[in-house]
Protein backbone atom coordinates (compact mmCIF):
# COMPACT_ATOMS: atom_id res chain seq x y z
CA UNK A 1 -23.31 18.98 -10.66
CA UNK A 2 -21.35 18.55 -7.48
CA UNK A 3 -19.80 15.35 -8.77
CA UNK A 4 -18.35 16.99 -11.84
CA UNK A 5 -16.56 19.71 -9.90
CA UNK A 6 -15.05 17.05 -7.63
CA UNK A 7 -13.81 15.22 -10.68
CA UNK A 8 -12.05 18.30 -12.04
CA UNK A 9 -10.36 18.96 -8.72
CA UNK A 10 -9.28 15.33 -8.70
CA UNK A 11 -7.57 15.75 -12.05
CA UNK A 12 -5.64 18.78 -10.89
CA UNK A 13 -4.38 17.09 -7.75
CA UNK A 14 -2.09 14.20 -8.68
CA UNK A 15 1.16 16.17 -8.39
CA UNK A 16 0.14 17.56 -5.01
CA UNK A 17 -1.01 14.15 -3.79
CA UNK A 18 2.37 12.72 -4.72
CA UNK A 19 4.19 15.29 -2.63
CA UNK A 20 2.13 14.63 0.46
CA UNK A 21 1.40 11.10 1.46
CA UNK A 22 4.55 9.22 0.61
CA UNK A 23 6.38 10.82 3.52
CA UNK A 24 3.83 9.73 6.10
CA UNK A 25 2.20 6.44 7.01
CA UNK A 26 -1.11 5.49 5.43
CA UNK A 27 -4.39 4.86 7.24
CA UNK A 28 -3.28 1.35 8.24
CA UNK A 29 0.18 2.46 9.32
CA UNK A 30 1.90 1.25 6.16
CA UNK A 31 4.06 2.83 3.46
CA UNK A 32 2.30 4.70 0.67
CA UNK A 33 3.08 4.93 -3.03
CA UNK A 34 1.02 6.32 -5.86
CA UNK A 35 1.49 4.15 -8.94
CA UNK A 36 -1.48 5.67 -10.78
CA UNK A 37 -4.83 7.25 -9.99
CA UNK A 38 -4.82 5.40 -6.67
CA UNK A 39 -2.48 4.65 -3.78
CA UNK A 40 -0.88 1.43 -2.64
CA UNK A 41 -0.23 0.97 1.06
CA UNK A 42 2.10 -1.84 2.08
CA UNK A 43 2.64 -3.42 5.48
CA UNK A 44 4.96 -6.29 6.31
CA UNK A 45 3.77 -8.67 9.01
CA UNK A 46 5.96 -10.47 11.53
CA UNK A 47 5.61 -13.71 9.56
CA UNK A 48 7.02 -11.85 6.51
CA UNK A 49 3.70 -11.90 4.74
CA UNK A 50 2.78 -8.64 3.08
CA UNK A 51 -0.48 -6.74 3.13
CA UNK A 52 -1.32 -4.46 0.23
CA UNK A 53 -4.19 -2.01 0.48
CA UNK A 54 -5.48 -0.38 -2.71
CA UNK A 55 -6.67 3.05 -1.62
CA UNK A 56 -8.36 5.77 -3.60
CA UNK A 57 -6.85 9.21 -4.17
CA UNK A 58 -8.04 10.29 -0.72
CA UNK A 59 -6.37 7.31 1.01
CA UNK A 60 -9.81 5.78 1.57
CA UNK A 61 -11.99 2.92 0.34
CA UNK A 62 -9.55 0.02 0.23
CA UNK A 63 -10.94 -2.44 -2.29
CA UNK A 64 -10.24 -5.80 -3.89
CA UNK A 65 -13.09 -5.60 -6.44
CA UNK A 66 -11.89 -5.88 -10.06
CA UNK A 67 -8.41 -5.54 -8.60
CA UNK A 68 -5.24 -7.57 -8.58
CA UNK A 69 -1.87 -7.31 -6.92
CA UNK A 70 1.48 -8.84 -7.75
CA UNK A 71 4.40 -8.50 -5.33
CA UNK A 72 8.03 -9.36 -5.74
CA UNK A 73 11.20 -8.54 -3.87
CA UNK A 74 14.38 -7.98 -5.85
CA UNK A 75 17.84 -7.76 -4.42
CA UNK A 76 21.36 -8.51 -5.58
CA UNK A 77 20.97 -12.20 -4.84
CA UNK A 78 17.57 -13.03 -6.29
CA UNK A 79 13.96 -12.23 -6.99
CA UNK A 80 11.29 -13.56 -4.61
CA UNK A 81 7.75 -13.71 -5.91
CA UNK A 82 4.76 -13.52 -3.58
CA UNK A 83 1.35 -15.06 -4.04
CA UNK A 84 -1.37 -12.53 -3.31
CA UNK A 85 -4.93 -13.41 -2.36
CA UNK A 86 -7.80 -10.93 -1.90
CA UNK A 87 -9.12 -10.53 1.65
CA UNK A 88 -11.95 -8.28 2.83
CA UNK A 89 -10.22 -4.97 2.24
CA UNK A 90 -6.65 -5.83 1.21
CA UNK A 91 -4.50 -8.38 -0.56
CA UNK A 92 -2.52 -10.79 1.59
CA UNK A 93 0.73 -11.87 -0.06
CA UNK A 94 3.10 -14.57 1.07
CA UNK A 95 6.18 -16.28 -0.25
CA UNK A 96 7.63 -19.72 0.36
CA UNK A 97 10.96 -17.95 0.55
CA UNK A 98 11.69 -17.25 4.20
CA UNK A 99 14.94 -15.34 3.73
CA UNK A 100 15.20 -11.83 5.17
CA UNK A 101 13.24 -9.22 3.27
CA UNK A 102 15.86 -6.95 1.74
CA UNK A 103 16.28 -4.95 -1.43
CA UNK A 104 13.29 -3.50 -3.23
CA UNK A 105 9.69 -4.51 -2.88
CA UNK A 106 7.82 -4.05 -6.16
CA UNK A 107 4.05 -3.96 -6.27
CA UNK A 108 2.12 -4.27 -9.52
CA UNK A 109 -1.43 -3.30 -8.76
CA UNK A 110 -4.69 -2.88 -10.63
CA UNK A 111 -7.40 -1.13 -8.60
CA UNK A 112 -10.95 -1.53 -9.92
CA UNK A 113 -9.61 -1.99 -13.46
CA UNK A 114 -7.27 1.03 -13.14
CA UNK A 115 -3.81 -0.32 -13.94
CA UNK A 116 -0.99 1.28 -12.02
CA UNK A 117 2.70 1.57 -12.71
CA UNK A 118 5.07 -0.49 -10.61
CA UNK A 119 5.23 0.89 -7.08
CA UNK A 120 8.75 0.48 -5.73
CA UNK A 121 9.41 0.39 -2.01
CA UNK A 122 12.88 0.31 -0.51
CA UNK A 123 13.30 -2.25 2.25
CA UNK A 124 13.13 -2.09 5.14
CA UNK A 125 9.94 -0.09 4.81
CA UNK A 126 9.97 3.34 6.37
CA UNK A 127 6.54 2.63 7.83
CA UNK A 128 5.18 -0.79 8.46
CA UNK A 129 3.70 -0.74 11.89
CA UNK A 130 0.76 -2.72 13.06
CA UNK A 131 0.51 -0.42 16.04
CA UNK A 132 -2.24 2.19 15.92
CA UNK A 133 -0.97 5.69 15.27
CA UNK A 134 -2.86 7.31 18.11
CA UNK A 135 -3.15 5.70 21.51
CA UNK A 136 -6.91 5.73 21.70
CA UNK A 137 -8.70 4.39 24.74
CA UNK A 138 -5.64 3.93 26.88
CA UNK A 139 -6.50 5.06 30.37
CA UNK A 140 -3.69 6.15 32.59
CA UNK A 141 -3.93 4.77 36.09
CA UNK A 142 -2.44 6.92 38.81
């Protein structure tokens, strides 16, 4: 019966989950949105490729199973479409267009058959760091 009570709590949470989360980086240091009953976390790499993690409601279990991601960037000048391919735990998206990433980044994601709304990110992303959040294992030499 434990599972059922968790499910009910999960249904009561979406509004709370929306309030927390989007104002802080996700588990991979990226920007979080909640387009549906899951979260999208987006990071932009130095080569302008984009990583999209599909996380569950608890910001865990990134998956690509039964999932798909579409990414585009829209600005006043044009729309750039990205090709997204599933990797181990995220989708890696790249575009032939090498112009600066500006405007709005729009992610259309389906996570394990759950279809989300469009997740809109303003560029530059508030969070898109590849650096670990906590400096673990760095020894200070005196």
